[in-house]
C-alpha atoms as a PDB file:
ATOM      1  CA  MET A   1       3.958 -25.091  -4.779  1.00  0.00           C
ATOM      2  CA  ILE A   2       6.549 -22.779  -3.710  1.00  0.00           C
ATOM      3  CA  ASP A   3       6.826 -21.154  -0.378  1.00  0.00           C
ATOM      4  CA  THR A   4       5.771 -17.478  -0.844  1.00  0.00           C
ATOM      5  CA  LYS A   5       7.987 -16.603   2.239  1.00  0.00           C
ATOM      6  CA  LYS A   6      11.255 -18.100   0.540  1.00  0.00           C
ATOM      7  CA  ILE A   7      10.401 -15.487  -2.419  1.00  0.00           C
ATOM      8  CA  VAL A   8      10.168 -12.829   0.052  1.00  0.00           C
ATOM      9  CA  GLU A   9      13.437 -13.747   2.086  1.00  0.00           C
ATOM     10  CA  ALA A  10      15.441 -13.586  -1.225  1.00  0.00           C
ATOM     11  CA  ALA A  11      13.745 -10.282  -2.605  1.00  0.00           C
ATOM     12  CA  GLU A  12      14.960  -8.938   0.778  1.00  0.00           C
ATOM     13  CA  ARG A  13      18.175  -9.950   0.251  1.00  0.00           C
ATOM     14  CA  LYS A  14      18.591  -8.328  -2.868  1.00  0.00           C
ATOM     15  CA  MET A  15      16.572  -5.239  -1.618  1.00  0.00           C
ATOM     16  CA  GLN A  16      19.297  -4.469   0.931  1.00  0.00           C
ATOM     17  CA  GLN A  17      20.956  -1.167   1.012  1.00  0.00           C
ATOM     18  CA  THR A  18      18.157   0.002  -1.131  1.00  0.00           C
ATOM     19  CA  ASP A  19      14.771   2.283  -0.403  1.00  0.00           C
ATOM     20  CA  LEU A  20      12.622  -1.084  -1.882  1.00  0.00           C
ATOM     21  CA  PHE A  21      10.360  -3.179   0.228  1.00  0.00           C
ATOM     22  CA  VAL A  22       8.057  -5.974  -0.403  1.00  0.00           C
ATOM     23  CA  VAL A  23       4.363  -5.321  -0.049  1.00  0.00           C
ATOM     24  CA  GLU A  24       2.733  -8.398  -0.972  1.00  0.00           C
ATOM     25  CA  CYS A  25       3.742 -11.715  -2.490  1.00  0.00           C
ATOM     26  CA  THR A  26       1.092 -14.049  -3.705  1.00  0.00           C
ATOM     27  CA  CYS A  27       0.940 -17.616  -5.413  1.00  0.00           C
ATOM     28  CA  SER A  28      -1.436 -19.489  -7.065  1.00  0.00           C
ATOM     29  CA  PRO A  29      -2.078 -23.390  -7.319  1.00  0.00           C
ATOM     30  CA  ALA A  30      -0.342 -23.274 -10.885  1.00  0.00           C
ATOM     31  CA  ASN A  31       3.045 -21.419  -9.332  1.00  0.00           C
ATOM     32  CA  GLU A  32       2.292 -18.031 -10.536  1.00  0.00           C
ATOM     33  CA  ILE A  33       3.881 -16.114  -8.256  1.00  0.00           C
ATOM     34  CA  GLU A  34       3.485 -12.056  -7.890  1.00  0.00           C
ATOM     35  CA  LEU A  35       5.742 -10.212  -6.248  1.00  0.00           C
ATOM     36  CA  VAL A  36       4.546  -6.488  -5.304  1.00  0.00           C
ATOM     37  CA  VAL A  37       7.456  -4.313  -4.424  1.00  0.00           C
ATOM     38  CA  ASP A  38       7.442  -0.548  -3.248  1.00  0.00           C
ATOM     39  CA  SER A  39       9.813   2.141  -2.589  1.00  0.00           C
ATOM     40  CA  ASP A  40       9.875   5.329  -0.350  1.00  0.00           C
ATOM     41  CA  THR A  41      10.705   7.507  -3.695  1.00  0.00           C
ATOM     42  CA  SER A  42       9.534   5.309  -7.055  1.00  0.00           C
ATOM     43  CA  VAL A  43       9.792   2.066  -8.687  1.00  0.00           C
ATOM     44  CA  ASN A  44      10.886   1.867 -12.182  1.00  0.00           C
ATOM     45  CA  ILE A  45      10.652  -1.051 -14.793  1.00  0.00           C
ATOM     46  CA  ASP A  46      14.525  -1.754 -14.739  1.00  0.00           C
ATOM     47  CA  VAL A  47      14.203  -2.302 -11.067  1.00  0.00           C
ATOM     48  CA  CYS A  48      11.632  -4.788 -11.376  1.00  0.00           C
ATOM     49  CA  VAL A  49      13.249  -6.627 -14.024  1.00  0.00           C
ATOM     50  CA  ALA A  50      16.800  -6.745 -12.263  1.00  0.00           C
ATOM     51  CA  LEU A  51      14.866  -7.896  -8.911  1.00  0.00           C
ATOM     52  CA  SER A  52      12.848 -10.969 -10.967  1.00  0.00           C
ATOM     53  CA  ARG A  53      16.342 -12.135 -12.480  1.00  0.00           C
ATOM     54  CA  ALA A  54      17.929 -11.760  -9.283  1.00  0.00           C
ATOM     55  CA  VAL A  55      15.152 -13.698  -7.470  1.00  0.00           C
ATOM     56  CA  GLU A  56      14.724 -16.504 -10.056  1.00  0.00           C
ATOM     57  CA  ALA A  57      18.464 -16.922  -9.894  1.00  0.00           C
ATOM     58  CA  GLU A  58      18.044 -18.348  -6.446  1.00  0.00           C
ATOM     59  CA  PHE A  59      15.661 -21.139  -7.377  1.00  0.00           C
ATOM     60  CA  ASP A  60      16.009 -24.314  -9.245  1.00  0.00           C
ATOM     61  CA  ARG A  61      13.532 -24.616 -12.315  1.00  0.00           C
ATOM     62  CA  GLU A  62      14.312 -28.047 -12.828  1.00  0.00           C
ATOM     63  CA  ALA A  63      13.364 -28.905  -9.024  1.00  0.00           C
ATOM     64  CA  GLU A  64       9.802 -26.757  -9.528  1.00  0.00           C
ATOM     65  CA  ASP A  65       8.739 -24.608 -12.563  1.00  0.00           C
ATOM     66  CA  PHE A  66       7.657 -21.463 -11.723  1.00  0.00           C
ATOM     67  CA  SER A  67       6.500 -17.844 -13.181  1.00  0.00           C
ATOM     68  CA  LEU A  68       7.273 -15.003 -11.137  1.00  0.00           C
ATOM     69  CA  THR A  69       6.205 -11.675 -12.093  1.00  0.00           C
ATOM     70  CA  VAL A  70       7.267  -8.839  -9.945  1.00  0.00           C
ATOM     71  CA  MET A  71       5.360  -5.659 -10.085  1.00  0.00           C
ATOM     72  CA  SER A  72       5.480  -2.205  -8.097  1.00  0.00           C
ATOM     73  CA  ALA A  73       2.427  -0.956  -6.217  1.00  0.00           C
ATOM     74  CA  GLY A  74       0.507   1.046  -8.738  1.00  0.00           C
ATOM     75  CA  ILE A  75      -0.783   4.701  -7.967  1.00  0.00           C
ATOM     76  CA  GLY A  76      -4.488   4.161  -6.864  1.00  0.00           C
ATOM     77  CA  SER A  77      -3.625   0.550  -5.559  1.00  0.00           C
ATOM     78  CA  GLU A  78      -4.712  -0.236  -1.745  1.00  0.00           C
ATOM     79  CA  LEU A  79      -2.393   0.520   0.698  1.00  0.00           C
ATOM     80  CA  ARG A  80      -0.772  -3.154   2.493  1.00  0.00           C
ATOM     81  CA  CYS A  81       1.694  -2.208   4.813  1.00  0.00           C
ATOM     82  CA  LEU A  82       2.467   0.686   7.308  1.00  0.00           C
ATOM     83  CA  ARG A  83       5.375   1.646   5.521  1.00  0.00           C
ATOM     84  CA  GLN A  84       3.544   2.731   2.726  1.00  0.00           C
ATOM     85  CA  TYR A  85       1.340   4.482   4.663  1.00  0.00           C
ATOM     86  CA  ARG A  86       3.943   6.516   6.213  1.00  0.00           C
ATOM     87  CA  LYS A  87       5.235   7.295   2.893  1.00  0.00           C
ATOM     88  CA  LEU A  88       1.704   9.257   2.161  1.00  0.00           C
ATOM     89  CA  VAL A  89       1.969  11.369   5.257  1.00  0.00           C
ATOM     90  CA  GLY A  90       0.729  14.804   4.237  1.00  0.00           C
ATOM     91  CA  ARG A  91      -0.876  13.730   1.242  1.00  0.00           C
ATOM     92  CA  PRO A  92      -4.415  13.100   0.031  1.00  0.00           C
ATOM     93  CA  VAL A  93      -6.029   9.640   0.635  1.00  0.00           C
ATOM     94  CA  GLU A  94      -9.503   7.608  -0.134  1.00  0.00           C
ATOM     95  CA  VAL A  95     -10.362   5.914   2.710  1.00  0.00           C
ATOM     96  CA  LEU A  96     -13.507   3.484   2.656  1.00  0.00           C
ATOM     97  CA  LEU A  97     -14.483   2.409   6.150  1.00  0.00           C
ATOM     98  CA  ALA A  98     -15.809  -0.853   7.195  1.00  0.00           C
ATOM     99  CA  ASP A  99     -19.310   0.402   7.540  1.00  0.00           C
ATOM    100  CA  GLY A 100     -19.341   2.238   3.617  1.00  0.00           C
ATOM    101  CA  ILE A 101     -18.713   5.563   4.519  1.00  0.00           C
ATOM    102  CA  LYS A 102     -15.863   6.848   1.959  1.00  0.00           C
ATOM    103  CA  ILE A 103     -13.662   9.651   3.297  1.00  0.00           C
ATOM    104  CA  LEU A 104     -11.086  12.029   1.004  1.00  0.00           C
ATOM    105  CA  ALA A 105      -8.762  13.693   3.182  1.00  0.00           C
ATOM    106  CA  THR A 106      -5.058  14.288   4.286  1.00  0.00           C
ATOM    107  CA  LEU A 107      -3.334  11.484   5.869  1.00  0.00           C
ATOM    108  CA  ASP A 108      -1.808  13.098   9.216  1.00  0.00           C
ATOM    109  CA  ALA A 109      -0.165  10.164  10.654  1.00  0.00           C
ATOM    110  CA  ALA A 110      -0.040   6.628  10.850  1.00  0.00           C
ATOM    111  CA  ASP A 111       1.182   3.671  13.296  1.00  0.00           C
ATOM    112  CA  GLU A 112       0.669   0.288  14.333  1.00  0.00           C
ATOM    113  CA  GLN A 113      -3.017   1.164  15.698  1.00  0.00           C
ATOM    114  CA  GLY A 114      -4.074   3.103  12.918  1.00  0.00           C
ATOM    115  CA  ILE A 115      -3.947   6.445  11.115  1.00  0.00           C
ATOM    116  CA  VAL A 116      -5.084  10.050  11.492  1.00  0.00           C
ATOM    117  CA  LEU A 117      -7.188  11.798   8.784  1.00  0.00           C
ATOM    118  CA  SER A 118      -7.764  15.657   8.545  1.00  0.00           C
ATOM    119  CA  TYR A 119     -10.708  16.873   6.422  1.00  0.00           C
ATOM    120  CA  ASP A 120     -13.337  19.266   5.907  1.00  0.00           C
ATOM    121  CA  ARG A 121     -16.920  18.064   7.020  1.00  0.00           C
ATOM    122  CA  LYS A 122     -20.404  19.629   7.025  1.00  0.00           C
ATOM    123  CA  GLU A 123     -21.935  19.669  10.999  1.00  0.00           C
ATOM    124  CA  SER A 124     -24.850  21.521  12.466  1.00  0.00           C
ATOM    125  CA  VAL A 125     -23.200  24.684  14.315  1.00  0.00           C
ATOM    126  CA  GLU A 126     -25.126  26.357  17.210  1.00  0.00           C
ATOM    127  CA  GLY A 127     -26.702  29.560  16.040  1.00  0.00           C
ATOM    128  CA  LYS A 128     -26.492  28.565  12.588  1.00  0.00           C
ATOM    129  CA  LYS A 129     -29.463  27.888  10.188  1.00  0.00           C
ATOM    130  CA  ARG A 130     -27.331  25.951   7.748  1.00  0.00           C
ATOM    131  CA  LYS A 131     -24.873  23.179   8.094  1.00  0.00           C
ATOM    132  CA  GLN A 132     -21.089  24.681   8.059  1.00  0.00           C
ATOM    133  CA  LEU A 133     -17.770  23.371   6.969  1.00  0.00           C
ATOM    134  CA  VAL A 134     -15.675  22.583   9.914  1.00  0.00           C
ATOM    135  CA  HIS A 135     -12.411  21.159  10.049  1.00  0.00           C
ATOM    136  CA  VAL A 136     -12.074  17.493  11.450  1.00  0.00           C
ATOM    137  CA  THR A 137      -9.435  15.747  12.474  1.00  0.00           C
ATOM    138  CA  GLU A 138     -10.258  12.270  13.360  1.00  0.00           C
ATOM    139  CA  SER A 139      -8.030   8.751  14.222  1.00  0.00           C
ATOM    140  CA  TYR A 140      -9.240   5.357  12.681  1.00  0.00           C
ATOM    141  CA  PRO A 141      -7.738   2.176  13.929  1.00  0.00           C
ATOM    142  CA  PHE A 142      -7.150  -0.272  11.115  1.00  0.00           C
ATOM    143  CA  GLU A 143      -9.663  -2.684  12.076  1.00  0.00           C
ATOM    144  CA  ARG A 144     -12.446   0.172  10.780  1.00  0.00           C
ATOM    145  CA  ILE A 145     -10.779   0.662   7.515  1.00  0.00           C
ATOM    146  CA  LYS A 146     -11.758  -1.687   4.402  1.00  0.00           C
ATOM    147  CA  TYR A 147      -9.036  -0.098   2.178  1.00  0.00           C
ATOM    148  CA  THR A 148      -6.883   3.145   1.931  1.00  0.00           C
ATOM    149  CA  LYS A 149      -5.560   4.491  -1.437  1.00  0.00           C
ATOM    150  CA  GLU A 150      -3.336   7.436  -2.679  1.00  0.00           C
ATOM    151  CA  TRP A 151      -5.852   9.896  -3.854  1.00  0.00           C
ATOM    152  CA  LEU A 152      -4.876  11.550  -7.156  1.00  0.00           C
ATOM    153  CA  ASP A 153      -7.062  15.141  -8.360  1.00  0.00           C
ATOM    154  CA  PHE A 154      -6.838  15.710 -11.783  1.00  0.00           C
ATOM    155  CA  LYS A 155      -8.673  19.194 -11.657  1.00  0.00           C
END
């Protein structure tokens, strides 16, 4: 089985001087390798093809047979690394917390400890009979987050 670290290292060498970065690399027991890349701007099919060819060229297929698939992290896929979170600062996200609560909010900040979200929530306000919408800004450590996805509203 091919070491995914070697694949990632080869890909990162080829992506130097670009805004591309590796999100994830997995390898099945049948040597089917999936390399997921993202960019601060966008990733098109030509970039994936060129990267696939460049990485494959560094490995000897005679020594070990493998299949390499290079793909971009699609819209709506779960965020896997801090750079993806930072790319979405100021944009709407869907966050599922470990306790099952789903939040649609604006991602205000992201760092190594977690993320900061702002959203409207109905809360009881003193002197009011009904709950009122209150703008809330809260931080969530990554340990409390099951997944985060970019949220697209098609309304």
